[in-house]
Amino acid sequence: MASAIFRVQSHKFSQDNIQTTLVCSKCDEVFSKEFLIDLEGQTIEFKCPVCGAPGEADLPYKSAEEREEFEEDFEEVEEEEGGEEFEEEY
Protein backbone atom coordinates (compact mmCIF):
# COMPACT_ATOMS: atom_id res chain seq x y z
CA MET A 1 0.00 0.00 0.00
CA ALA A 2 1.21 3.48 -0.86
CA SER A 3 2.47 5.57 2.03
CA ALA A 4 3.03 8.79 0.06
CA ILE A 5 1.02 10.83 -2.37
CA PHE A 6 2.81 12.38 -5.33
CA ARG A 7 1.05 15.61 -6.32
CA VAL A 8 1.31 16.59 -9.96
CA GLN A 9 2.67 20.12 -10.00
CA SER A 10 2.80 20.42 -13.79
CA HIS A 11 2.52 18.21 -16.84
CA LYS A 12 3.10 18.24 -20.57
CA PHE A 13 1.87 15.78 -23.15
CA SER A 14 4.07 14.63 -26.01
CA GLN A 15 3.19 12.14 -28.71
CA ASP A 16 4.42 9.15 -26.65
CA ASN A 17 4.73 10.38 -23.05
CA ILE A 18 3.33 12.47 -20.24
CA GLN A 19 6.14 14.54 -18.75
CA THR A 20 5.29 15.40 -15.14
CA THR A 21 6.75 17.43 -12.32
CA LEU A 22 5.68 15.90 -9.00
CA VAL A 23 6.01 16.68 -5.29
CA CYS A 24 6.44 13.89 -2.71
CA SER A 25 4.20 14.21 0.37
CA LYS A 26 6.83 12.45 2.54
CA CYS A 27 9.96 14.47 1.79
CA ASP A 28 8.42 17.51 0.01
CA GLU A 29 10.99 17.20 -2.77
CA VAL A 30 10.14 18.08 -6.37
CA PHE A 31 11.11 15.64 -9.13
CA SER A 32 10.34 14.94 -12.77
CA LYS A 33 9.12 11.67 -14.21
CA GLU A 34 7.84 10.50 -17.61
CA PHE A 35 5.00 8.05 -18.12
CA LEU A 36 3.73 6.35 -21.24
CA ILE A 37 0.80 8.17 -22.81
CA ASP A 38 -1.24 4.94 -22.46
CA LEU A 39 -1.29 5.54 -18.68
CA GLU A 40 -3.08 8.90 -18.95
CA GLY A 41 -5.88 9.32 -16.40
CA GLN A 42 -4.74 6.37 -14.26
CA THR A 43 -3.42 6.13 -10.71
CA ILE A 44 0.16 4.85 -10.80
CA GLU A 45 2.23 3.45 -7.93
CA PHE A 46 6.01 3.94 -7.79
CA LYS A 47 8.79 4.91 -5.38
CA CYS A 48 9.95 8.46 -4.81
CA PRO A 49 13.34 8.82 -6.54
CA VAL A 50 14.50 11.13 -3.72
CA CYS A 51 13.50 9.40 -0.45
CA GLY A 52 12.43 5.98 -1.76
CA ALA A 53 8.97 6.08 -0.16
CA PRO A 54 6.36 4.07 -2.07
CA GLY A 55 3.46 6.21 -3.24
CA GLU A 56 0.97 6.92 -5.95
CA ALA A 57 0.09 9.69 -8.37
CA ASP A 58 -3.06 10.41 -10.33
CA LEU A 59 -1.88 11.06 -13.87
CA PRO A 60 -3.65 13.79 -15.80
CA TYR A 61 -5.58 13.19 -18.97
CA LYS A 62 -5.98 15.37 -22.02
CA SER A 63 -9.03 17.57 -22.13
CA ALA A 64 -11.23 17.44 -25.22
CA GLU A 65 -9.66 20.71 -26.36
CA GLU A 66 -6.09 19.36 -25.96
CA ARG A 67 -7.04 16.18 -27.87
CA GLU A 68 -8.51 18.21 -30.72
CA GLU A 69 -5.42 20.46 -30.94
CA PHE A 70 -3.11 17.43 -30.88
CA GLU A 71 -5.09 15.68 -33.63
CA GLU A 72 -5.05 18.83 -35.79
CA ASP A 73 -1.28 19.22 -35.32
CA PHE A 74 -0.75 15.54 -36.12
CA GLU A 75 -2.84 15.83 -39.31
CA GLU A 76 -0.80 18.87 -40.39
CA VAL A 77 2.46 16.96 -39.89
CA GLU A 78 1.12 13.99 -41.86
CA GLU A 79 0.10 16.30 -44.72
CA GLU A 80 3.51 18.01 -44.74
CA GLU A 81 5.38 14.70 -44.71
CA GLY A 82 3.13 13.30 -47.45
CA GLY A 83 3.77 16.34 -49.63
CA GLU A 84 7.53 16.00 -49.27
CA GLU A 85 7.47 12.35 -50.31
CA PHE A 86 5.47 13.23 -53.41
CA GLU A 87 7.92 15.99 -54.36
CA GLU A 88 10.92 13.68 -53.91
CA GLU A 89 9.51 11.18 -56.39
CA TYR A 90 9.45 13.74 -59.22
PDB file of N, CA and C in Angstrom:
ATOM      1  N   MET A   1       0.832  -1.188   0.000  1.00  0.00           N
ATOM      2  CA  MET A   1       0.000   0.000   0.000  1.00  0.00           C
ATOM      3  C   MET A   1       0.875   1.249   0.000  1.00  0.00           C
ATOM      4  N   ALA A   2       0.439   2.251  -0.722  1.00  0.00           N
ATOM      5  CA  ALA A   2       1.207   3.478  -0.861  1.00  0.00           C
ATOM      6  C   ALA A   2       1.209   4.269   0.448  1.00  0.00           C
ATOM      7  N   SER A   3       2.383   4.769   0.807  1.00  0.00           N
ATOM      8  CA  SER A   3       2.466   5.567   2.030  1.00  0.00           C
ATOM      9  C   SER A   3       2.646   7.048   1.718  1.00  0.00           C
ATOM     10  N   ALA A   4       2.848   7.394   0.454  1.00  0.00           N
ATOM     11  CA  ALA A   4       3.030   8.792   0.060  1.00  0.00           C
ATOM     12  C   ALA A   4       2.100   9.105  -1.109  1.00  0.00           C
ATOM     13  N   ILE A   5       1.798  10.357  -1.231  1.00  0.00           N
ATOM     14  CA  ILE A   5       1.022  10.832  -2.368  1.00  0.00           C
ATOM     15  C   ILE A   5       1.941  11.759  -3.166  1.00  0.00           C
ATOM     16  N   PHE A   6       2.015  11.520  -4.453  1.00  0.00           N
ATOM     17  CA  PHE A   6       2.808  12.384  -5.329  1.00  0.00           C
ATOM     18  C   PHE A   6       1.846  13.325  -6.044  1.00  0.00           C
ATOM     19  N   ARG A   7       1.926  14.606  -5.705  1.00  0.00           N
ATOM     20  CA  ARG A   7       1.048  15.606  -6.319  1.00  0.00           C
ATOM     21  C   ARG A   7       1.660  16.081  -7.632  1.00  0.00           C
ATOM     22  N   VAL A   8       0.846  16.107  -8.659  1.00  0.00           N
ATOM     23  CA  VAL A   8       1.308  16.591  -9.964  1.00  0.00           C
ATOM     24  C   VAL A   8       1.322  18.112  -9.916  1.00  0.00           C
ATOM     25  N   GLN A   9       2.518  18.672 -10.036  1.00  0.00           N
ATOM     26  CA  GLN A   9       2.672  20.119 -10.002  1.00  0.00           C
ATOM     27  C   GLN A   9       2.478  20.709 -11.403  1.00  0.00           C
ATOM     28  N   SER A  10       2.986  20.002 -12.404  1.00  0.00           N
ATOM     29  CA  SER A  10       2.800  20.417 -13.791  1.00  0.00           C
ATOM     30  C   SER A  10       2.931  19.191 -14.680  1.00  0.00           C
ATOM     31  N   HIS A  11       2.417  19.311 -15.892  1.00  0.00           N
ATOM     32  CA  HIS A  11       2.522  18.205 -16.840  1.00  0.00           C
ATOM     33  C   HIS A  11       2.521  18.735 -18.263  1.00  0.00           C
ATOM     34  N   LYS A  12       3.065  17.905 -19.162  1.00  0.00           N
ATOM     35  CA  LYS A  12       3.105  18.240 -20.574  1.00  0.00           C
ATOM     36  C   LYS A  12       2.940  16.941 -21.348  1.00  0.00           C
ATOM     37  N   PHE A  13       2.070  16.957 -22.334  1.00  0.00           N
ATOM     38  CA  PHE A  13       1.867  15.775 -23.153  1.00  0.00           C
ATOM     39  C   PHE A  13       2.743  15.855 -24.393  1.00  0.00           C
ATOM     40  N   SER A  14       3.384  14.749 -24.726  1.00  0.00           N
ATOM     41  CA  SER A  14       4.070  14.626 -26.010  1.00  0.00           C
ATOM     42  C   SER A  14       3.349  13.511 -26.760  1.00  0.00           C
ATOM     43  N   GLN A  15       3.856  13.171 -27.915  1.00  0.00           N
ATOM     44  CA  GLN A  15       3.185  12.141 -28.705  1.00  0.00           C
ATOM     45  C   GLN A  15       3.189  10.795 -27.983  1.00  0.00           C
ATOM     46  N   ASP A  16       4.271  10.463 -27.274  1.00  0.00           N
ATOM     47  CA  ASP A  16       4.416   9.153 -26.647  1.00  0.00           C
ATOM     48  C   ASP A  16       4.357   9.166 -25.130  1.00  0.00           C
ATOM     49  N   ASN A  17       4.565  10.332 -24.507  1.00  0.00           N
ATOM     50  CA  ASN A  17       4.726  10.383 -23.050  1.00  0.00           C
ATOM     51  C   ASN A  17       3.950  11.519 -22.401  1.00  0.00           C
ATOM     52  N   ILE A  18       3.811  11.376 -21.088  1.00  0.00           N
ATOM     53  CA  ILE A  18       3.335  12.466 -20.237  1.00  0.00           C
ATOM     54  C   ILE A  18       4.536  12.849 -19.379  1.00  0.00           C
ATOM     55  N   GLN A  19       5.014  14.062 -19.544  1.00  0.00           N
ATOM     56  CA  GLN A  19       6.140  14.545 -18.751  1.00  0.00           C
ATOM     57  C   GLN A  19       5.557  15.288 -17.553  1.00  0.00           C
ATOM     58  N   THR A  20       5.875  14.813 -16.352  1.00  0.00           N
ATOM     59  CA  THR A  20       5.290  15.399 -15.145  1.00  0.00           C
ATOM     60  C   THR A  20       6.355  15.940 -14.205  1.00  0.00           C
ATOM     61  N   THR A  21       5.971  16.938 -13.448  1.00  0.00           N
ATOM     62  CA  THR A  21       6.751  17.426 -12.316  1.00  0.00           C
ATOM     63  C   THR A  21       5.884  17.135 -11.104  1.00  0.00           C
ATOM     64  N   LEU A  22       6.440  16.373 -10.158  1.00  0.00           N
ATOM     65  CA  LEU A  22       5.676  15.905  -8.999  1.00  0.00           C
ATOM     66  C   LEU A  22       6.317  16.353  -7.699  1.00  0.00           C
ATOM     67  N   VAL A  23       5.521  16.361  -6.631  1.00  0.00           N
ATOM     68  CA  VAL A  23       6.009  16.684  -5.287  1.00  0.00           C
ATOM     69  C   VAL A  23       5.656  15.513  -4.380  1.00  0.00           C
ATOM     70  N   CYS A  24       6.637  15.004  -3.644  1.00  0.00           N
ATOM     71  CA  CYS A  24       6.436  13.894  -2.711  1.00  0.00           C
ATOM     72  C   CYS A  24       5.868  14.424  -1.397  1.00  0.00           C
ATOM     73  N   SER A  25       4.814  13.776  -0.899  1.00  0.00           N
ATOM     74  CA  SER A  25       4.204  14.213   0.367  1.00  0.00           C
ATOM     75  C   SER A  25       5.044  13.810   1.582  1.00  0.00           C
ATOM     76  N   LYS A  26       5.972  12.875   1.422  1.00  0.00           N
ATOM     77  CA  LYS A  26       6.832  12.449   2.544  1.00  0.00           C
ATOM     78  C   LYS A  26       8.000  13.404   2.744  1.00  0.00           C
ATOM     79  N   CYS A  27       8.742  13.672   1.647  1.00  0.00           N
ATOM     80  CA  CYS A  27       9.964  14.473   1.793  1.00  0.00           C
ATOM     81  C   CYS A  27       9.829  15.893   1.221  1.00  0.00           C
ATOM     82  N   ASP A  28       8.692  16.203   0.613  1.00  0.00           N
ATOM     83  CA  ASP A  28       8.424  17.510   0.007  1.00  0.00           C
ATOM     84  C   ASP A  28       9.397  17.899  -1.103  1.00  0.00           C
ATOM     85  N   GLU A  29      10.071  16.916  -1.672  1.00  0.00           N
ATOM     86  CA  GLU A  29      10.992  17.196  -2.773  1.00  0.00           C
ATOM     87  C   GLU A  29      10.242  17.179  -4.099  1.00  0.00           C
ATOM     88  N   VAL A  30      10.713  17.999  -5.027  1.00  0.00           N
ATOM     89  CA  VAL A  30      10.139  18.079  -6.368  1.00  0.00           C
ATOM     90  C   VAL A  30      11.007  17.247  -7.305  1.00  0.00           C
ATOM     91  N   PHE A  31      10.362  16.450  -8.150  1.00  0.00           N
ATOM     92  CA  PHE A  31      11.105  15.636  -9.129  1.00  0.00           C
ATOM     93  C   PHE A  31      10.293  15.505 -10.409  1.00  0.00           C
ATOM     94  N   SER A  32      10.980  15.126 -11.473  1.00  0.00           N
ATOM     95  CA  SER A  32      10.337  14.936 -12.774  1.00  0.00           C
ATOM     96  C   SER A  32      10.302  13.465 -13.112  1.00  0.00           C
ATOM     97  N   LYS A  33       9.258  13.061 -13.810  1.00  0.00           N
ATOM     98  CA  LYS A  33       9.119  11.668 -14.209  1.00  0.00           C
ATOM     99  C   LYS A  33       8.268  11.618 -15.469  1.00  0.00           C
ATOM    100  N   GLU A  34       8.615  10.698 -16.383  1.00  0.00           N
ATOM    101  CA  GLU A  34       7.845  10.500 -17.606  1.00  0.00           C
ATOM    102  C   GLU A  34       7.064   9.202 -17.515  1.00  0.00           C
ATOM    103  N   PHE A  35       5.863   9.233 -18.066  1.00  0.00           N
ATOM    104  CA  PHE A  35       5.003   8.049 -18.117  1.00  0.00           C
ATOM    105  C   PHE A  35       4.528   7.851 -19.544  1.00  0.00           C
ATOM    106  N   LEU A  36       4.268   6.621 -19.915  1.00  0.00           N
ATOM    107  CA  LEU A  36       3.726   6.346 -21.237  1.00  0.00           C
ATOM    108  C   LEU A  36       2.364   7.004 -21.390  1.00  0.00           C
ATOM    109  N   ILE A  37       2.068   7.493 -22.561  1.00  0.00           N
ATOM    110  CA  ILE A  37       0.802   8.169 -22.812  1.00  0.00           C
ATOM    111  C   ILE A  37      -0.379   7.228 -22.565  1.00  0.00           C
ATOM    112  N   ASP A  38      -0.174   5.925 -22.703  1.00  0.00           N
ATOM    113  CA  ASP A  38      -1.235   4.938 -22.463  1.00  0.00           C
ATOM    114  C   ASP A  38      -1.725   4.951 -21.013  1.00  0.00           C
ATOM    115  N   LEU A  39      -0.931   5.518 -20.097  1.00  0.00           N
ATOM    116  CA  LEU A  39      -1.292   5.543 -18.676  1.00  0.00           C
ATOM    117  C   LEU A  39      -2.074   6.790 -18.287  1.00  0.00           C
ATOM    118  N   GLU A  40      -2.387   7.649 -19.255  1.00  0.00           N
ATOM    119  CA  GLU A  40      -3.078   8.904 -18.950  1.00  0.00           C
ATOM    120  C   GLU A  40      -4.391   8.631 -18.225  1.00  0.00           C
ATOM    121  N   GLY A  41      -4.653   9.427 -17.178  1.00  0.00           N
ATOM    122  CA  GLY A  41      -5.878   9.322 -16.396  1.00  0.00           C
ATOM    123  C   GLY A  41      -5.883   8.220 -15.348  1.00  0.00           C
ATOM    124  N   GLN A  42      -4.790   7.476 -15.220  1.00  0.00           N
ATOM    125  CA  GLN A  42      -4.741   6.366 -14.265  1.00  0.00           C
ATOM    126  C   GLN A  42      -3.982   6.757 -12.999  1.00  0.00           C
ATOM    127  N   THR A  43      -4.193   5.975 -11.942  1.00  0.00           N
ATOM    128  CA  THR A  43      -3.424   6.133 -10.705  1.00  0.00           C
ATOM    129  C   THR A  43      -2.266   5.144 -10.773  1.00  0.00           C
ATOM    130  N   ILE A  44      -1.056   5.652 -10.639  1.00  0.00           N
ATOM    131  CA  ILE A  44       0.159   4.853 -10.800  1.00  0.00           C
ATOM    132  C   ILE A  44       0.919   4.807  -9.481  1.00  0.00           C
ATOM    133  N   GLU A  45       1.407   3.616  -9.131  1.00  0.00           N
ATOM    134  CA  GLU A  45       2.232   3.452  -7.932  1.00  0.00           C
ATOM    135  C   GLU A  45       3.695   3.318  -8.330  1.00  0.00           C
ATOM    136  N   PHE A  46       4.560   4.018  -7.593  1.00  0.00           N
ATOM    137  CA  PHE A  46       6.010   3.936  -7.794  1.00  0.00           C
ATOM    138  C   PHE A  46       6.698   4.511  -6.566  1.00  0.00           C
ATOM    139  N   LYS A  47       8.020   4.393  -6.519  1.00  0.00           N
ATOM    140  CA  LYS A  47       8.787   4.909  -5.380  1.00  0.00           C
ATOM    141  C   LYS A  47       9.327   6.298  -5.697  1.00  0.00           C
ATOM    142  N   CYS A  48       9.361   7.126  -4.676  1.00  0.00           N
ATOM    143  CA  CYS A  48       9.949   8.456  -4.808  1.00  0.00           C
ATOM    144  C   CYS A  48      11.435   8.291  -5.139  1.00  0.00           C
ATOM    145  N   PRO A  49      11.915   8.948  -6.195  1.00  0.00           N
ATOM    146  CA  PRO A  49      13.335   8.825  -6.538  1.00  0.00           C
ATOM    147  C   PRO A  49      14.253   9.543  -5.559  1.00  0.00           C
ATOM    148  N   VAL A  50      13.689  10.379  -4.683  1.00  0.00           N
ATOM    149  CA  VAL A  50      14.500  11.128  -3.717  1.00  0.00           C
ATOM    150  C   VAL A  50      14.611  10.374  -2.398  1.00  0.00           C
ATOM    151  N   CYS A  51      13.470  10.038  -1.776  1.00  0.00           N
ATOM    152  CA  CYS A  51      13.498   9.401  -0.453  1.00  0.00           C
ATOM    153  C   CYS A  51      13.178   7.906  -0.488  1.00  0.00           C
ATOM    154  N   GLY A  52      12.708   7.405  -1.619  1.00  0.00           N
ATOM    155  CA  GLY A  52      12.428   5.976  -1.759  1.00  0.00           C
ATOM    156  C   GLY A  52      11.099   5.519  -1.191  1.00  0.00           C
ATOM    157  N   ALA A  53      10.263   6.447  -0.717  1.00  0.00           N
ATOM    158  CA  ALA A  53       8.967   6.077  -0.156  1.00  0.00           C
ATOM    159  C   ALA A  53       8.023   5.617  -1.268  1.00  0.00           C
ATOM    160  N   PRO A  54       7.339   4.491  -1.068  1.00  0.00           N
ATOM    161  CA  PRO A  54       6.357   4.074  -2.073  1.00  0.00           C
ATOM    162  C   PRO A  54       5.153   5.012  -2.034  1.00  0.00           C
ATOM    163  N   GLY A  55       4.605   5.309  -3.192  1.00  0.00           N
ATOM    164  CA  GLY A  55       3.464   6.213  -3.236  1.00  0.00           C
ATOM    165  C   GLY A  55       2.724   6.094  -4.544  1.00  0.00           C
ATOM    166  N   GLU A  56       1.756   6.960  -4.725  1.00  0.00           N
ATOM    167  CA  GLU A  56       0.968   6.921  -5.947  1.00  0.00           C
ATOM    168  C   GLU A  56       0.672   8.331  -6.432  1.00  0.00           C
ATOM    169  N   ALA A  57       0.428   8.414  -7.734  1.00  0.00           N
ATOM    170  CA  ALA A  57       0.087   9.688  -8.370  1.00  0.00           C
ATOM    171  C   ALA A  57      -1.077   9.460  -9.315  1.00  0.00           C
ATOM    172  N   ASP A  58      -1.969  10.428  -9.366  1.00  0.00           N
ATOM    173  CA  ASP A  58      -3.061  10.408 -10.333  1.00  0.00           C
ATOM    174  C   ASP A  58      -2.580  11.160 -11.563  1.00  0.00           C
ATOM    175  N   LEU A  59      -2.374  10.425 -12.647  1.00  0.00           N
ATOM    176  CA  LEU A  59      -1.875  11.055 -13.866  1.00  0.00           C
ATOM    177  C   LEU A  59      -2.994  11.838 -14.549  1.00  0.00           C
ATOM    178  N   PRO A  60      -2.644  12.983 -15.103  1.00  0.00           N
ATOM    179  CA  PRO A  60      -3.653  13.789 -15.795  1.00  0.00           C
ATOM    180  C   PRO A  60      -4.069  13.141 -17.111  1.00  0.00           C
ATOM    181  N   TYR A  61      -5.143  13.632 -17.653  1.00  0.00           N
ATOM    182  CA  TYR A  61      -5.577  13.191 -18.975  1.00  0.00           C
ATOM    183  C   TYR A  61      -5.828  14.434 -19.818  1.00  0.00           C
ATOM    184  N   LYS A  62      -5.772  14.248 -21.119  1.00  0.00           N
ATOM    185  CA  LYS A  62      -5.980  15.372 -22.022  1.00  0.00           C
ATOM    186  C   LYS A  62      -7.445  15.770 -22.029  1.00  0.00           C
ATOM    187  N   SER A  63      -7.667  17.064 -21.994  1.00  0.00           N
ATOM    188  CA  SER A  63      -9.032  17.573 -22.131  1.00  0.00           C
ATOM    189  C   SER A  63      -9.455  17.410 -23.590  1.00  0.00           C
ATOM    190  N   ALA A  64     -10.725  17.550 -23.848  1.00  0.00           N
ATOM    191  CA  ALA A  64     -11.230  17.436 -25.224  1.00  0.00           C
ATOM    192  C   ALA A  64     -10.550  18.471 -26.117  1.00  0.00           C
ATOM    193  N   GLU A  65     -10.311  19.653 -25.589  1.00  0.00           N
ATOM    194  CA  GLU A  65      -9.656  20.708 -26.360  1.00  0.00           C
ATOM    195  C   GLU A  65      -8.216  20.320 -26.700  1.00  0.00           C
ATOM    196  N   GLU A  66      -7.478  19.783 -25.717  1.00  0.00           N
ATOM    197  CA  GLU A  66      -6.095  19.358 -25.960  1.00  0.00           C
ATOM    198  C   GLU A  66      -6.046  18.229 -26.986  1.00  0.00           C
ATOM    199  N   ARG A  67      -6.983  17.285 -26.907  1.00  0.00           N
ATOM    200  CA  ARG A  67      -7.036  16.182 -27.872  1.00  0.00           C
ATOM    201  C   ARG A  67      -7.264  16.706 -29.284  1.00  0.00           C
ATOM    202  N   GLU A  68      -8.191  17.653 -29.402  1.00  0.00           N
ATOM    203  CA  GLU A  68      -8.509  18.211 -30.719  1.00  0.00           C
ATOM    204  C   GLU A  68      -7.292  18.929 -31.294  1.00  0.00           C
ATOM    205  N   GLU A  69      -6.620  19.746 -30.480  1.00  0.00           N
ATOM    206  CA  GLU A  69      -5.425  20.463 -30.937  1.00  0.00           C
ATOM    207  C   GLU A  69      -4.337  19.485 -31.362  1.00  0.00           C
ATOM    208  N   PHE A  70      -4.135  18.422 -30.573  1.00  0.00           N
ATOM    209  CA  PHE A  70      -3.110  17.434 -30.877  1.00  0.00           C
ATOM    210  C   PHE A  70      -3.423  16.737 -32.201  1.00  0.00           C
ATOM    211  N   GLU A  71      -4.692  16.357 -32.393  1.00  0.00           N
ATOM    212  CA  GLU A  71      -5.085  15.679 -33.626  1.00  0.00           C
ATOM    213  C   GLU A  71      -4.906  16.589 -34.831  1.00  0.00           C
ATOM    214  N   GLU A  72      -5.246  17.881 -34.696  1.00  0.00           N
ATOM    215  CA  GLU A  72      -5.051  18.830 -35.788  1.00  0.00           C
ATOM    216  C   GLU A  72      -3.575  18.970 -36.122  1.00  0.00           C
ATOM    217  N   ASP A  73      -2.725  19.109 -35.095  1.00  0.00           N
ATOM    218  CA  ASP A  73      -1.283  19.219 -35.320  1.00  0.00           C
ATOM    219  C   ASP A  73      -0.753  17.967 -35.990  1.00  0.00           C
ATOM    220  N   PHE A  74      -1.208  16.803 -35.558  1.00  0.00           N
ATOM    221  CA  PHE A  74      -0.753  15.540 -36.117  1.00  0.00           C
ATOM    222  C   PHE A  74      -1.153  15.436 -37.591  1.00  0.00           C
ATOM    223  N   GLU A  75      -2.375  15.856 -37.917  1.00  0.00           N
ATOM    224  CA  GLU A  75      -2.835  15.830 -39.310  1.00  0.00           C
ATOM    225  C   GLU A  75      -1.989  16.758 -40.167  1.00  0.00           C
ATOM    226  N   GLU A  76      -1.641  17.934 -39.657  1.00  0.00           N
ATOM    227  CA  GLU A  76      -0.801  18.874 -40.395  1.00  0.00           C
ATOM    228  C   GLU A  76       0.567  18.268 -40.688  1.00  0.00           C
ATOM    229  N   VAL A  77       1.145  17.591 -39.703  1.00  0.00           N
ATOM    230  CA  VAL A  77       2.458  16.958 -39.887  1.00  0.00           C
ATOM    231  C   VAL A  77       2.352  15.860 -40.942  1.00  0.00           C
ATOM    232  N   GLU A  78       1.298  15.050 -40.872  1.00  0.00           N
ATOM    233  CA  GLU A  78       1.117  13.988 -41.861  1.00  0.00           C
ATOM    234  C   GLU A  78       1.002  14.565 -43.264  1.00  0.00           C
ATOM    235  N   GLU A  79       0.258  15.672 -43.416  1.00  0.00           N
ATOM    236  CA  GLU A  79       0.097  16.300 -44.721  1.00  0.00           C
ATOM    237  C   GLU A  79       1.433  16.834 -45.227  1.00  0.00           C
ATOM    238  N   GLU A  80       2.207  17.471 -44.347  1.00  0.00           N
ATOM    239  CA  GLU A  80       3.512  18.007 -44.739  1.00  0.00           C
ATOM    240  C   GLU A  80       4.455  16.893 -45.159  1.00  0.00           C
ATOM    241  N   GLU A  81       4.496  15.824 -44.392  1.00  0.00           N
ATOM    242  CA  GLU A  81       5.375  14.700 -44.712  1.00  0.00           C
ATOM    243  C   GLU A  81       4.944  14.039 -46.015  1.00  0.00           C
ATOM    244  N   GLY A  82       3.650  13.895 -46.229  1.00  0.00           N
ATOM    245  CA  GLY A  82       3.132  13.302 -47.450  1.00  0.00           C
ATOM    246  C   GLY A  82       3.495  14.135 -48.661  1.00  0.00           C
ATOM    247  N   GLY A  83       3.429  15.444 -48.538  1.00  0.00           N
ATOM    248  CA  GLY A  83       3.774  16.339 -49.634  1.00  0.00           C
ATOM    249  C   GLY A  83       5.233  16.246 -50.002  1.00  0.00           C
ATOM    250  N   GLU A  84       6.097  16.110 -49.011  1.00  0.00           N
ATOM    251  CA  GLU A  84       7.531  15.997 -49.272  1.00  0.00           C
ATOM    252  C   GLU A  84       7.856  14.714 -50.012  1.00  0.00           C
ATOM    253  N   GLU A  85       7.217  13.618 -49.640  1.00  0.00           N
ATOM    254  CA  GLU A  85       7.467  12.348 -50.307  1.00  0.00           C
ATOM    255  C   GLU A  85       7.068  12.435 -51.769  1.00  0.00           C
ATOM    256  N   PHE A  86       5.954  13.091 -52.039  1.00  0.00           N
ATOM    257  CA  PHE A  86       5.473  13.230 -53.409  1.00  0.00           C
ATOM    258  C   PHE A  86       6.469  14.042 -54.232  1.00  0.00           C
ATOM    259  N   GLU A  87       6.976  15.136 -53.655  1.00  0.00           N
ATOM    260  CA  GLU A  87       7.919  15.986 -54.356  1.00  0.00           C
ATOM    261  C   GLU A  87       9.223  15.259 -54.634  1.00  0.00           C
ATOM    262  N   GLU A  88       9.656  14.403 -53.735  1.00  0.00           N
ATOM    263  CA  GLU A  88      10.915  13.677 -53.909  1.00  0.00           C
ATOM    264  C   GLU A  88      10.840  12.683 -55.055  1.00  0.00           C
ATOM    265  N   GLU A  89       9.650  12.172 -55.341  1.00  0.00           N
ATOM    266  CA  GLU A  89       9.508  11.181 -56.394  1.00  0.00           C
ATOM    267  C   GLU A  89       9.659  11.811 -57.778  1.00  0.00           C
ATOM    268  N   TYR A  90       9.398  13.102 -57.908  1.00  0.00           N
ATOM    269  CA  TYR A  90       9.455  13.742 -59.222  1.00  0.00           C
ATOM    270  C   TYR A  90      10.610  14.642 -59.382  1.00  0.00           C
TER     271      TYR A  90
END
